């Protein structure tokens, strides 16, 4: 997987990104049968770190079906758009 080089930024932003990446990584390995993050929360956390991710990438990384990934990605991205319209 190719990653773009990060832009120089402050320590606080770096800590936020590290936290988001940690959440997404934990979500990727968490089983559906364990208490904790729902599929929605897992997809949302992954998209915060990888906003341009494709449906198949999300499905594979989070070990969910393509249709499930698509459903939650639509909802997460829809909420993001609504949030931008209200700002």
Protein backbone atom coordinates (compact mmCIF):
# COMPACT_ATOMS: atom_id res chain seq x y z
CA UNK A 1 0.00 0.00 0.00
CA UNK A 2 1.41 3.41 -0.96
CA UNK A 3 1.18 6.30 1.46
CA UNK A 4 1.67 9.97 0.67
CA UNK A 5 4.36 11.78 2.60
CA UNK A 6 2.86 13.84 5.41
CA UNK A 7 3.03 17.62 5.42
CA UNK A 8 5.04 19.23 8.21
CA UNK A 9 2.71 20.22 11.01
CA UNK A 10 2.44 20.81 14.72
CA UNK A 11 2.80 18.17 17.42
CA UNK A 12 -0.90 18.38 18.33
CA UNK A 13 -2.00 17.48 14.79
CA UNK A 14 0.48 14.59 14.71
CA UNK A 15 -0.97 13.24 17.95
CA UNK A 16 -4.50 13.44 16.53
CA UNK A 17 -3.45 11.52 13.42
CA UNK A 18 -1.65 8.89 15.48
CA UNK A 19 -4.75 8.47 17.64
CA UNK A 20 -7.02 8.13 14.59
CA UNK A 21 -4.65 5.62 13.00
CA UNK A 22 -4.59 3.63 16.23
CA UNK A 23 -8.39 3.56 16.39
CA UNK A 24 -8.64 2.47 12.77
CA UNK A 25 -6.03 -0.25 13.26
CA UNK A 26 -7.80 -1.56 16.36
CA UNK A 27 -11.09 -1.51 14.48
CA UNK A 28 -9.57 -3.49 11.64
CA UNK A 29 -8.53 -6.38 13.85
CA UNK A 30 -11.50 -6.42 16.20
CA UNK A 31 -13.90 -9.32 15.82
CA UNK A 32 -17.61 -8.70 15.22
CA UNK A 33 -18.42 -10.91 18.21
CA UNK A 34 -16.45 -8.80 20.70
CA UNK A 35 -18.05 -5.90 22.52
CA UNK A 36 -16.80 -2.51 21.43
CA UNK A 37 -17.00 -0.67 18.16
CA UNK A 38 -19.91 -1.30 15.83
CA UNK A 39 -19.33 -1.76 12.10
CA UNK A 40 -20.44 1.84 11.62
CA UNK A 41 -17.86 3.07 14.15
CA UNK A 42 -15.14 0.90 12.60
CA UNK A 43 -15.86 2.23 9.10
CA UNK A 44 -16.04 5.81 10.39
CA UNK A 45 -12.69 5.47 12.20
CA UNK A 46 -11.06 3.96 9.11
CA UNK A 47 -12.40 6.72 6.84
CA UNK A 48 -11.09 9.42 9.19
CA UNK A 49 -7.59 8.14 8.53
CA UNK A 50 -8.19 7.06 4.91
CA UNK A 51 -10.82 9.49 3.53
CA UNK A 52 -10.29 8.42 -0.10
CA UNK A 53 -10.52 4.68 0.59
CA UNK A 54 -12.48 2.57 -1.86
CA UNK A 55 -15.25 0.19 -0.80
CA UNK A 56 -13.22 -2.97 -1.47
CA UNK A 57 -10.26 -1.63 0.53
CA UNK A 58 -12.48 -0.87 3.53
CA UNK A 59 -14.18 -4.26 3.30
CA UNK A 60 -10.90 -6.15 3.11
CA UNK A 61 -9.17 -4.18 5.87
CA UNK A 62 -12.10 -4.39 8.30
CA UNK A 63 -13.00 -7.99 7.36
CA UNK A 64 -16.58 -7.13 6.40
CA UNK A 65 -18.52 -7.71 3.19
CA UNK A 66 -18.36 -5.24 0.32
CA UNK A 67 -22.09 -4.55 0.65
CA UNK A 68 -21.75 -3.86 4.39
CA UNK A 69 -18.76 -1.59 3.80
CA UNK A 70 -20.67 0.25 1.08
CA UNK A 71 -23.74 0.73 3.32
CA UNK A 72 -21.74 2.23 6.20
CA UNK A 73 -19.48 4.29 3.94
CA UNK A 74 -22.54 5.93 2.36
CA UNK A 75 -23.91 6.79 5.81
CA UNK A 76 -20.59 8.07 7.17
CA UNK A 77 -19.87 10.18 4.10
CA UNK A 78 -23.47 11.45 4.07
CA UNK A 79 -23.06 12.66 7.65
CA UNK A 80 -19.83 14.40 6.71
CA UNK A 81 -21.56 16.23 3.88
CA UNK A 82 -24.43 17.28 6.15
CA UNK A 83 -21.93 18.59 8.70
CA UNK A 84 -20.21 20.67 6.04
CA UNK A 85 -23.52 22.16 4.88
CA UNK A 86 -24.35 23.33 8.41
CA UNK A 87 -20.97 25.00 8.93
